[in-house]
């Protein structure tokens, strides 16, 4: 069986400066430009995307232009930040500074109030990638998703603690090759 090559692509800029989570923001013009430049000269056999428009609209454009199959998967949506979703970081820092600091230091133990659990987040992302691998024999797949999703998946495959998530650089429209599935010992330990 041939290896499936997965590349994760973070959506482009939306012009928003807060934890957007599952809010359905559109890309800014800059975001569209960033994404179009990121894929120049690269080839894939299929595209799978988060259904949020900052990912899905570009995924649809790319798939149409290149004649690639496209599937939207709701499990690739961003982490749900609960009560912090859409609140400017400056406001959070002023209002909930201690809680914000604890979240950055240990997002598993100190999630935002009303947020999705990291167990659920990891589970839905892992299930989405398992399906991609099962369906895509000997194929290169572009997965268009979000910064938090990419950070969590990289923690899994790079044997990093979730506390390292804030230190993983995931710029808008950045590509991240991802060997999947992670090593069996990692999955068992998580």
N, C-alpha and C. Protein backbone atom coordinates (compact mmCIF):
# COMPACT_ATOMS: atom_id res chain seq x y z
N UNK A 1 0.85 -1.18 0.00
CA UNK A 1 0.00 0.00 0.00
C UNK A 1 0.89 1.24 0.00
N UNK A 2 0.62 2.17 -0.88
CA UNK A 2 1.41 3.39 -1.00
C UNK A 2 1.01 4.39 0.07
N UNK A 3 1.99 5.22 0.40
CA UNK A 3 1.77 6.22 1.43
C UNK A 3 0.90 7.36 0.91
N UNK A 4 0.03 7.84 1.79
CA UNK A 4 -0.76 9.02 1.49
C UNK A 4 0.03 10.23 2.01
N UNK A 5 0.18 11.22 1.16
CA UNK A 5 0.90 12.42 1.54
C UNK A 5 -0.13 13.50 1.85
N UNK A 6 -0.14 13.95 3.09
CA UNK A 6 -1.08 14.98 3.52
C UNK A 6 -0.31 16.27 3.76
N UNK A 7 -0.84 17.37 3.20
CA UNK A 7 -0.32 18.69 3.51
C UNK A 7 -1.47 19.51 4.08
N UNK A 8 -1.23 20.07 5.25
CA UNK A 8 -2.20 20.95 5.87
C UNK A 8 -1.93 22.38 5.41
N UNK A 9 -2.98 23.11 5.09
CA UNK A 9 -2.87 24.51 4.69
C UNK A 9 -3.79 25.32 5.59
N UNK A 10 -3.21 26.29 6.28
CA UNK A 10 -4.04 27.18 7.09
C UNK A 10 -4.70 28.20 6.17
N UNK A 11 -5.93 28.54 6.47
CA UNK A 11 -6.64 29.56 5.70
C UNK A 11 -5.86 30.88 5.73
N UNK A 12 -6.20 31.76 4.83
CA UNK A 12 -5.57 33.07 4.78
C UNK A 12 -6.17 34.04 5.78
N UNK A 13 -5.66 35.25 5.77
CA UNK A 13 -6.08 36.29 6.70
C UNK A 13 -7.55 36.64 6.51
N UNK A 14 -8.22 36.92 7.63
CA UNK A 14 -9.62 37.34 7.60
C UNK A 14 -9.78 38.80 8.03
N UNK A 15 -8.71 39.39 8.53
CA UNK A 15 -8.78 40.75 9.04
C UNK A 15 -9.31 40.82 10.46
N UNK A 16 -9.61 39.69 11.06
CA UNK A 16 -10.14 39.64 12.43
C UNK A 16 -8.99 39.38 13.40
N UNK A 17 -9.06 39.96 14.58
CA UNK A 17 -7.99 39.79 15.57
C UNK A 17 -8.57 39.34 16.91
N UNK A 18 -9.00 38.10 16.93
CA UNK A 18 -9.50 37.48 18.16
C UNK A 18 -9.52 35.98 17.92
N UNK A 19 -9.88 35.24 18.95
CA UNK A 19 -10.09 33.81 18.76
C UNK A 19 -11.38 33.66 17.96
N UNK A 20 -11.26 33.37 16.68
CA UNK A 20 -12.43 33.29 15.82
C UNK A 20 -13.13 31.95 15.96
N UNK A 21 -12.37 30.90 16.22
CA UNK A 21 -12.97 29.59 16.43
C UNK A 21 -13.90 29.19 15.31
N UNK A 22 -15.14 28.92 15.64
CA UNK A 22 -16.09 28.43 14.65
C UNK A 22 -16.99 29.53 14.10
N UNK A 23 -16.61 30.80 14.31
CA UNK A 23 -17.31 31.89 13.65
C UNK A 23 -16.98 31.80 12.15
N UNK A 24 -17.95 32.07 11.31
CA UNK A 24 -17.79 31.83 9.88
C UNK A 24 -17.34 33.08 9.14
N UNK A 25 -16.10 33.48 9.36
CA UNK A 25 -15.55 34.69 8.74
C UNK A 25 -15.14 34.44 7.29
N UNK A 26 -15.29 35.48 6.49
CA UNK A 26 -14.81 35.46 5.11
C UNK A 26 -13.33 35.84 5.07
N UNK A 27 -12.66 35.44 4.02
CA UNK A 27 -11.27 35.85 3.81
C UNK A 27 -11.23 37.33 3.41
N UNK A 28 -10.18 38.00 3.81
CA UNK A 28 -9.92 39.36 3.30
C UNK A 28 -9.28 39.21 1.92
N UNK A 29 -9.16 40.31 1.21
CA UNK A 29 -8.45 40.27 -0.09
C UNK A 29 -7.03 39.76 0.11
N UNK A 30 -6.39 40.21 1.19
CA UNK A 30 -5.05 39.73 1.50
C UNK A 30 -5.05 38.22 1.70
N UNK A 31 -6.07 37.71 2.38
CA UNK A 31 -6.17 36.27 2.62
C UNK A 31 -6.27 35.48 1.32
N UNK A 32 -7.07 35.97 0.38
CA UNK A 32 -7.17 35.31 -0.92
C UNK A 32 -5.81 35.30 -1.63
N UNK A 33 -5.12 36.44 -1.60
CA UNK A 33 -3.80 36.54 -2.24
C UNK A 33 -2.82 35.57 -1.58
N UNK A 34 -2.80 35.54 -0.25
CA UNK A 34 -1.89 34.64 0.47
C UNK A 34 -2.11 33.19 0.04
N UNK A 35 -3.35 32.76 -0.04
CA UNK A 35 -3.65 31.37 -0.39
C UNK A 35 -3.28 31.06 -1.84
N UNK A 36 -3.61 31.95 -2.73
CA UNK A 36 -3.29 31.72 -4.14
C UNK A 36 -1.78 31.62 -4.34
N UNK A 37 -1.02 32.43 -3.63
CA UNK A 37 0.44 32.35 -3.73
C UNK A 37 0.97 31.07 -3.08
N UNK A 38 0.36 30.63 -2.00
CA UNK A 38 0.84 29.44 -1.28
C UNK A 38 0.75 28.16 -2.11
N UNK A 39 -0.20 28.10 -3.04
CA UNK A 39 -0.38 26.86 -3.80
C UNK A 39 0.29 26.87 -5.17
N UNK A 40 0.89 27.99 -5.55
CA UNK A 40 1.55 28.07 -6.85
C UNK A 40 2.63 26.99 -6.98
N UNK A 41 2.60 26.27 -8.09
CA UNK A 41 3.63 25.28 -8.37
C UNK A 41 3.51 23.99 -7.56
N UNK A 42 2.46 23.85 -6.79
CA UNK A 42 2.26 22.64 -5.98
C UNK A 42 1.13 21.81 -6.57
N UNK A 43 1.23 20.51 -6.37
CA UNK A 43 0.24 19.59 -6.95
C UNK A 43 -0.35 18.68 -5.88
N UNK A 44 -1.65 18.46 -6.00
CA UNK A 44 -2.35 17.51 -5.14
C UNK A 44 -3.33 16.73 -6.00
N UNK A 45 -3.81 15.62 -5.45
CA UNK A 45 -4.79 14.79 -6.16
C UNK A 45 -6.21 15.00 -5.64
N UNK A 46 -6.33 15.59 -4.46
CA UNK A 46 -7.64 15.82 -3.86
C UNK A 46 -7.52 16.93 -2.82
N UNK A 47 -8.67 17.54 -2.51
CA UNK A 47 -8.73 18.59 -1.51
C UNK A 47 -9.83 18.24 -0.52
N UNK A 48 -9.50 18.34 0.76
CA UNK A 48 -10.49 18.18 1.82
C UNK A 48 -10.40 19.44 2.67
N UNK A 49 -11.55 19.99 3.05
CA UNK A 49 -11.54 21.29 3.71
C UNK A 49 -12.54 21.36 4.86
N UNK A 50 -12.20 22.23 5.81
CA UNK A 50 -13.17 22.68 6.80
C UNK A 50 -14.32 23.34 6.05
N UNK A 51 -15.55 23.22 6.56
CA UNK A 51 -16.68 23.86 5.88
C UNK A 51 -16.79 25.37 6.16
N UNK A 52 -15.99 25.89 7.09
CA UNK A 52 -16.05 27.33 7.35
C UNK A 52 -15.55 28.08 6.13
N UNK A 53 -16.23 29.16 5.76
CA UNK A 53 -15.98 29.80 4.48
C UNK A 53 -14.55 30.29 4.29
N UNK A 54 -13.83 30.60 5.35
CA UNK A 54 -12.44 31.06 5.19
C UNK A 54 -11.55 29.96 4.65
N UNK A 55 -12.01 28.73 4.74
CA UNK A 55 -11.32 27.58 4.14
C UNK A 55 -12.05 27.09 2.89
N UNK A 56 -13.35 26.89 3.01
CA UNK A 56 -14.14 26.20 1.98
C UNK A 56 -14.22 26.97 0.67
N UNK A 57 -14.30 28.28 0.73
CA UNK A 57 -14.42 29.04 -0.53
C UNK A 57 -13.14 28.95 -1.36
N UNK A 58 -12.00 29.03 -0.70
CA UNK A 58 -10.75 28.86 -1.44
C UNK A 58 -10.61 27.42 -1.92
N UNK A 59 -10.97 26.46 -1.09
CA UNK A 59 -10.90 25.04 -1.48
C UNK A 59 -11.73 24.80 -2.74
N UNK A 60 -12.90 25.39 -2.78
CA UNK A 60 -13.78 25.24 -3.95
C UNK A 60 -13.15 25.87 -5.19
N UNK A 61 -12.58 27.06 -5.03
CA UNK A 61 -11.92 27.71 -6.17
C UNK A 61 -10.76 26.85 -6.69
N UNK A 62 -9.91 26.38 -5.78
CA UNK A 62 -8.75 25.58 -6.18
C UNK A 62 -9.18 24.28 -6.85
N UNK A 63 -10.15 23.59 -6.26
CA UNK A 63 -10.62 22.33 -6.84
C UNK A 63 -11.21 22.55 -8.23
N UNK A 64 -12.00 23.60 -8.39
CA UNK A 64 -12.59 23.90 -9.70
C UNK A 64 -11.52 24.21 -10.74
N UNK A 65 -10.55 25.06 -10.37
CA UNK A 65 -9.50 25.45 -11.32
C UNK A 65 -8.64 24.26 -11.76
N UNK A 66 -8.41 23.34 -10.84
CA UNK A 66 -7.50 22.23 -11.13
C UNK A 66 -8.21 20.91 -11.43
N UNK A 67 -9.53 20.91 -11.39
CA UNK A 67 -10.28 19.68 -11.66
C UNK A 67 -10.06 18.61 -10.61
N UNK A 68 -9.97 19.01 -9.35
CA UNK A 68 -9.71 18.07 -8.26
C UNK A 68 -10.98 17.75 -7.50
N UNK A 69 -11.07 16.53 -7.00
CA UNK A 69 -12.21 16.22 -6.12
C UNK A 69 -12.09 17.02 -4.82
N UNK A 70 -13.23 17.48 -4.32
CA UNK A 70 -13.28 18.27 -3.10
C UNK A 70 -14.32 17.66 -2.16
N UNK A 71 -13.94 17.55 -0.91
CA UNK A 71 -14.89 17.12 0.13
C UNK A 71 -14.75 18.07 1.31
N UNK A 72 -15.88 18.54 1.82
CA UNK A 72 -15.90 19.35 3.03
C UNK A 72 -16.16 18.42 4.20
N UNK A 73 -15.42 18.63 5.29
CA UNK A 73 -15.56 17.78 6.47
C UNK A 73 -15.69 18.66 7.70
N UNK A 74 -16.85 18.64 8.31
CA UNK A 74 -17.10 19.51 9.47
C UNK A 74 -16.16 19.23 10.64
N UNK A 75 -15.57 18.04 10.67
CA UNK A 75 -14.63 17.71 11.75
C UNK A 75 -13.33 18.51 11.66
N UNK A 76 -13.08 19.14 10.51
CA UNK A 76 -11.87 19.95 10.33
C UNK A 76 -12.07 21.40 10.75
N UNK A 77 -13.24 21.73 11.29
CA UNK A 77 -13.48 23.09 11.77
C UNK A 77 -12.53 23.41 12.92
N UNK A 78 -12.36 24.70 13.17
CA UNK A 78 -11.48 25.17 14.23
C UNK A 78 -12.04 24.78 15.60
N UNK A 79 -11.19 24.84 16.59
CA UNK A 79 -11.54 24.66 17.99
C UNK A 79 -12.63 25.66 18.37
N UNK A 80 -13.59 25.23 19.17
CA UNK A 80 -14.63 26.14 19.64
C UNK A 80 -14.16 26.77 20.95
N UNK A 81 -13.93 28.07 20.93
CA UNK A 81 -13.36 28.79 22.07
C UNK A 81 -14.40 29.21 23.12
N UNK A 82 -15.61 28.69 23.03
CA UNK A 82 -16.61 28.97 24.04
C UNK A 82 -16.88 30.45 24.20
N UNK A 83 -16.88 30.93 25.45
CA UNK A 83 -17.21 32.32 25.75
C UNK A 83 -16.18 33.31 25.20
N UNK A 84 -15.01 32.83 24.83
CA UNK A 84 -13.96 33.71 24.31
C UNK A 84 -14.04 33.89 22.79
N UNK A 85 -14.87 33.11 22.15
CA UNK A 85 -14.94 33.15 20.70
C UNK A 85 -15.40 34.53 20.23
N UNK A 86 -14.59 35.18 19.39
CA UNK A 86 -14.92 36.48 18.83
C UNK A 86 -14.58 37.67 19.71
N UNK A 87 -14.10 37.43 20.92
CA UNK A 87 -13.74 38.53 21.83
C UNK A 87 -12.30 38.95 21.52
N UNK A 88 -12.06 40.24 21.30
CA UNK A 88 -10.69 40.68 21.00
C UNK A 88 -9.71 40.26 22.11
N UNK A 89 -8.52 39.87 21.71
CA UNK A 89 -7.49 39.41 22.65
C UNK A 89 -7.22 40.48 23.72
N UNK A 90 -7.20 41.75 23.30
CA UNK A 90 -6.95 42.83 24.26
C UNK A 90 -8.02 42.85 25.35
N UNK A 91 -9.25 42.62 24.96
CA UNK A 91 -10.36 42.58 25.93
C UNK A 91 -10.20 41.39 26.86
N UNK A 92 -9.86 40.26 26.29
CA UNK A 92 -9.64 39.07 27.13
C UNK A 92 -8.49 39.29 28.10
N UNK A 93 -7.42 39.89 27.62
CA UNK A 93 -6.26 40.13 28.48
C UNK A 93 -6.63 41.05 29.64
N UNK A 94 -7.46 42.04 29.37
CA UNK A 94 -7.88 42.98 30.41
C UNK A 94 -8.88 42.34 31.37
N UNK A 95 -9.85 41.64 30.80
CA UNK A 95 -10.96 41.08 31.59
C UNK A 95 -10.62 39.75 32.25
N UNK A 96 -9.90 38.88 31.51
CA UNK A 96 -9.63 37.51 31.97
C UNK A 96 -8.15 37.17 31.85
N UNK A 97 -7.28 38.12 32.18
CA UNK A 97 -5.84 37.94 31.97
C UNK A 97 -5.26 36.69 32.60
N UNK A 98 -5.63 36.41 33.85
CA UNK A 98 -5.09 35.21 34.52
C UNK A 98 -5.55 33.94 33.83
N UNK A 99 -6.84 33.89 33.48
CA UNK A 99 -7.38 32.71 32.79
C UNK A 99 -6.74 32.54 31.42
N UNK A 100 -6.51 33.65 30.72
CA UNK A 100 -5.87 33.60 29.40
C UNK A 100 -4.45 33.05 29.52
N UNK A 101 -3.71 33.51 30.52
CA UNK A 101 -2.36 33.01 30.75
C UNK A 101 -2.34 31.52 31.07
N UNK A 102 -3.29 31.07 31.87
CA UNK A 102 -3.37 29.63 32.18
C UNK A 102 -3.69 28.82 30.93
N UNK A 103 -4.60 29.35 30.08
CA UNK A 103 -4.95 28.66 28.84
C UNK A 103 -3.73 28.53 27.94
N UNK A 104 -2.96 29.59 27.77
CA UNK A 104 -1.76 29.53 26.93
C UNK A 104 -0.75 28.55 27.49
N UNK A 105 -0.65 28.47 28.81
CA UNK A 105 0.32 27.57 29.44
C UNK A 105 -0.12 26.11 29.39
N UNK A 106 -1.42 25.86 29.49
CA UNK A 106 -1.92 24.48 29.51
C UNK A 106 -3.37 24.46 29.02
N UNK A 107 -3.57 24.42 27.69
CA UNK A 107 -4.93 24.50 27.14
C UNK A 107 -5.82 23.30 27.49
N UNK A 108 -5.21 22.19 27.85
CA UNK A 108 -6.01 21.02 28.21
C UNK A 108 -6.61 21.21 29.60
N UNK A 109 -5.81 21.63 30.54
CA UNK A 109 -6.27 21.79 31.92
C UNK A 109 -7.09 23.07 32.13
N UNK A 110 -6.85 24.10 31.32
CA UNK A 110 -7.49 25.39 31.53
C UNK A 110 -8.14 25.92 30.25
N UNK A 111 -9.14 25.22 29.73
CA UNK A 111 -9.80 25.70 28.51
C UNK A 111 -10.62 26.97 28.81
N UNK A 112 -10.95 27.71 27.77
CA UNK A 112 -11.84 28.86 27.97
C UNK A 112 -13.20 28.40 28.51
N UNK A 113 -13.90 29.27 29.23
CA UNK A 113 -15.22 28.88 29.73
C UNK A 113 -16.17 28.54 28.58
N UNK A 114 -16.83 27.40 28.70
CA UNK A 114 -17.79 26.97 27.68
C UNK A 114 -17.16 26.41 26.42
N UNK A 115 -15.84 26.19 26.43
CA UNK A 115 -15.13 25.73 25.22
C UNK A 115 -15.28 24.22 25.02
N UNK A 116 -14.97 23.82 23.81
CA UNK A 116 -14.88 22.41 23.44
C UNK A 116 -13.75 21.76 24.23
N UNK A 117 -13.91 20.53 24.64
CA UNK A 117 -12.82 19.84 25.32
C UNK A 117 -11.74 19.46 24.32
N UNK A 118 -10.51 19.39 24.79
CA UNK A 118 -9.42 18.99 23.90
C UNK A 118 -9.55 17.53 23.48
N UNK A 119 -10.16 16.72 24.33
CA UNK A 119 -10.41 15.33 23.96
C UNK A 119 -11.33 15.26 22.75
N UNK A 120 -12.39 16.06 22.76
CA UNK A 120 -13.32 16.09 21.63
C UNK A 120 -12.65 16.67 20.39
N UNK A 121 -11.88 17.74 20.55
CA UNK A 121 -11.17 18.39 19.44
C UNK A 121 -10.20 17.40 18.80
N UNK A 122 -9.37 16.76 19.62
CA UNK A 122 -8.42 15.76 19.10
C UNK A 122 -9.16 14.62 18.42
N UNK A 123 -10.23 14.15 19.03
CA UNK A 123 -10.98 13.03 18.47
C UNK A 123 -11.56 13.32 17.11
N UNK A 124 -12.18 14.48 16.95
CA UNK A 124 -12.79 14.77 15.65
C UNK A 124 -11.74 15.02 14.57
N UNK A 125 -10.63 15.68 14.92
CA UNK A 125 -9.56 15.88 13.93
C UNK A 125 -8.92 14.56 13.53
N UNK A 126 -8.64 13.71 14.50
CA UNK A 126 -8.03 12.41 14.22
C UNK A 126 -8.94 11.56 13.34
N UNK A 127 -10.23 11.57 13.63
CA UNK A 127 -11.19 10.80 12.84
C UNK A 127 -11.24 11.32 11.40
N UNK A 128 -11.20 12.64 11.25
CA UNK A 128 -11.21 13.23 9.91
C UNK A 128 -9.99 12.79 9.10
N UNK A 129 -8.80 12.82 9.73
CA UNK A 129 -7.59 12.42 9.01
C UNK A 129 -7.56 10.92 8.76
N UNK A 130 -8.07 10.14 9.68
CA UNK A 130 -8.16 8.69 9.43
C UNK A 130 -9.00 8.41 8.18
N UNK A 131 -10.09 9.13 8.02
CA UNK A 131 -10.94 8.94 6.84
C UNK A 131 -10.21 9.35 5.57
N UNK A 132 -9.48 10.47 5.64
CA UNK A 132 -8.72 10.93 4.47
C UNK A 132 -7.74 9.85 4.02
N UNK A 133 -7.00 9.29 4.97
CA UNK A 133 -6.02 8.26 4.64
C UNK A 133 -6.71 7.00 4.11
N UNK A 134 -7.82 6.61 4.70
CA UNK A 134 -8.53 5.40 4.26
C UNK A 134 -9.07 5.54 2.84
N UNK A 135 -9.47 6.76 2.46
CA UNK A 135 -10.06 6.98 1.14
C UNK A 135 -9.05 7.34 0.06
N UNK A 136 -7.84 7.69 0.43
CA UNK A 136 -6.90 8.26 -0.53
C UNK A 136 -5.65 7.40 -0.66
N UNK A 137 -5.77 6.28 -1.32
CA UNK A 137 -4.62 5.40 -1.51
C UNK A 137 -3.69 5.99 -2.57
N UNK A 138 -2.39 6.11 -2.21
CA UNK A 138 -1.34 6.61 -3.11
C UNK A 138 -1.69 7.98 -3.68
N UNK A 139 -2.14 8.88 -2.82
CA UNK A 139 -2.55 10.19 -3.29
C UNK A 139 -1.96 11.28 -2.42
N UNK A 140 -1.84 12.44 -3.02
CA UNK A 140 -1.42 13.65 -2.31
C UNK A 140 -2.68 14.46 -2.01
N UNK A 141 -2.92 14.71 -0.75
CA UNK A 141 -4.15 15.37 -0.34
C UNK A 141 -3.83 16.69 0.36
N UNK A 142 -4.48 17.75 -0.10
CA UNK A 142 -4.39 19.04 0.56
C UNK A 142 -5.57 19.15 1.51
N UNK A 143 -5.26 19.44 2.78
CA UNK A 143 -6.29 19.61 3.80
C UNK A 143 -6.25 21.07 4.24
N UNK A 144 -7.33 21.79 3.97
CA UNK A 144 -7.41 23.20 4.31
C UNK A 144 -8.18 23.34 5.62
N UNK A 145 -7.49 23.89 6.61
CA UNK A 145 -8.07 23.95 7.95
C UNK A 145 -7.57 25.18 8.69
N UNK A 146 -7.49 25.11 10.00
CA UNK A 146 -7.29 26.27 10.86
C UNK A 146 -6.03 26.15 11.71
N UNK A 147 -5.60 27.28 12.26
CA UNK A 147 -4.38 27.31 13.06
C UNK A 147 -4.40 26.38 14.26
N UNK A 148 -5.46 26.40 15.04
CA UNK A 148 -5.55 25.52 16.21
C UNK A 148 -5.54 24.06 15.83
N UNK A 149 -6.24 23.72 14.74
CA UNK A 149 -6.28 22.33 14.27
C UNK A 149 -4.88 21.87 13.85
N UNK A 150 -4.17 22.71 13.13
CA UNK A 150 -2.82 22.36 12.68
C UNK A 150 -1.89 22.20 13.87
N UNK A 151 -1.99 23.10 14.83
CA UNK A 151 -1.13 22.99 16.02
C UNK A 151 -1.38 21.69 16.77
N UNK A 152 -2.65 21.35 16.99
CA UNK A 152 -2.96 20.12 17.70
C UNK A 152 -2.45 18.89 16.93
N UNK A 153 -2.69 18.85 15.63
CA UNK A 153 -2.23 17.70 14.83
C UNK A 153 -0.71 17.60 14.81
N UNK A 154 -0.04 18.73 14.74
CA UNK A 154 1.42 18.70 14.80
C UNK A 154 1.90 18.21 16.16
N UNK A 155 1.24 18.60 17.24
CA UNK A 155 1.60 18.06 18.55
C UNK A 155 1.50 16.54 18.56
N UNK A 156 0.45 16.01 17.98
CA UNK A 156 0.29 14.55 17.93
C UNK A 156 1.43 13.86 17.20
N UNK A 157 1.73 14.33 15.99
CA UNK A 157 2.73 13.63 15.18
C UNK A 157 4.17 13.95 15.57
N UNK A 158 4.39 15.10 16.20
CA UNK A 158 5.74 15.49 16.59
C UNK A 158 6.07 15.13 18.04
N UNK A 159 5.16 14.38 18.66
CA UNK A 159 5.35 13.94 20.05
C UNK A 159 5.55 15.11 21.00
N UNK A 160 4.76 16.14 20.81
CA UNK A 160 4.84 17.33 21.64
C UNK A 160 3.63 17.38 22.57
N UNK A 161 3.83 17.97 23.72
CA UNK A 161 2.75 18.18 24.66
C UNK A 161 1.84 19.29 24.14
N UNK A 162 0.56 19.23 24.46
CA UNK A 162 -0.35 20.28 24.03
C UNK A 162 0.03 21.64 24.60
N UNK A 163 0.78 21.64 25.69
CA UNK A 163 1.26 22.91 26.26
C UNK A 163 2.18 23.64 25.29
N UNK A 164 2.71 22.94 24.30
CA UNK A 164 3.59 23.54 23.29
C UNK A 164 2.82 24.23 22.15
N UNK A 165 1.50 24.07 22.12
CA UNK A 165 0.73 24.58 20.99
C UNK A 165 0.97 26.06 20.71
N UNK A 166 1.00 26.86 21.75
CA UNK A 166 1.17 28.31 21.56
C UNK A 166 2.52 28.64 20.92
N UNK A 167 3.50 27.75 21.04
CA UNK A 167 4.82 27.99 20.49
C UNK A 167 5.01 27.46 19.07
N UNK A 168 3.98 26.87 18.50
CA UNK A 168 4.09 26.35 17.12
C UNK A 168 3.60 27.44 16.17
N UNK A 169 4.50 27.87 15.30
CA UNK A 169 4.19 28.96 14.37
C UNK A 169 3.36 28.42 13.21
N UNK A 170 2.16 28.95 13.06
CA UNK A 170 1.27 28.55 11.97
C UNK A 170 0.71 29.84 11.36
N UNK A 171 1.47 30.38 10.42
CA UNK A 171 1.08 31.63 9.78
C UNK A 171 -0.10 31.42 8.83
N UNK A 172 -0.80 32.50 8.53
CA UNK A 172 -1.87 32.40 7.53
C UNK A 172 -1.29 31.86 6.22
N UNK A 173 -2.02 30.97 5.58
CA UNK A 173 -1.65 30.38 4.29
C UNK A 173 -0.34 29.59 4.33
N UNK A 174 0.03 29.09 5.50
CA UNK A 174 1.25 28.28 5.59
C UNK A 174 0.91 26.80 5.39
N UNK A 175 1.85 26.10 4.77
CA UNK A 175 1.71 24.66 4.49
C UNK A 175 2.50 23.85 5.51
N UNK A 176 1.92 22.73 5.91
CA UNK A 176 2.53 21.87 6.92
C UNK A 176 2.36 20.40 6.51
N UNK A 177 3.44 19.75 6.02
CA UNK A 177 3.35 18.33 5.72
C UNK A 177 3.05 17.56 7.00
N UNK A 178 2.21 16.54 6.90
CA UNK A 178 1.82 15.82 8.11
C UNK A 178 1.80 14.32 7.84
N UNK A 179 2.75 13.58 8.44
CA UNK A 179 2.66 12.13 8.32
C UNK A 179 1.50 11.64 9.20
N UNK A 180 0.63 10.84 8.63
CA UNK A 180 -0.53 10.35 9.39
C UNK A 180 -0.73 8.89 9.08
N UNK A 181 -1.05 8.06 10.05
CA UNK A 181 -1.37 8.39 11.43
C UNK A 181 -0.12 8.57 12.28
N UNK A 182 -0.29 9.17 13.49
CA UNK A 182 0.85 9.30 14.39
C UNK A 182 1.30 7.93 14.86
N UNK A 183 2.49 7.88 15.44
CA UNK A 183 3.00 6.61 15.92
C UNK A 183 2.04 6.01 16.95
N UNK A 184 1.85 4.69 16.95
CA UNK A 184 0.88 4.06 17.86
C UNK A 184 1.11 4.42 19.33
N UNK A 185 2.34 4.55 19.77
CA UNK A 185 2.59 4.85 21.18
C UNK A 185 2.06 6.22 21.56
N UNK A 186 2.03 7.14 20.58
CA UNK A 186 1.50 8.47 20.87
C UNK A 186 0.00 8.43 21.09
N UNK A 187 -0.69 7.72 20.23
CA UNK A 187 -2.14 7.65 20.31
C UNK A 187 -2.54 7.01 21.63
N UNK A 188 -1.84 5.96 22.04
CA UNK A 188 -2.16 5.29 23.28
C UNK A 188 -1.90 6.18 24.49
N UNK A 189 -0.86 7.00 24.43
CA UNK A 189 -0.49 7.85 25.56
C UNK A 189 -1.41 9.05 25.71
N UNK A 190 -2.08 9.45 24.65
CA UNK A 190 -2.90 10.67 24.68
C UNK A 190 -4.23 10.39 25.26
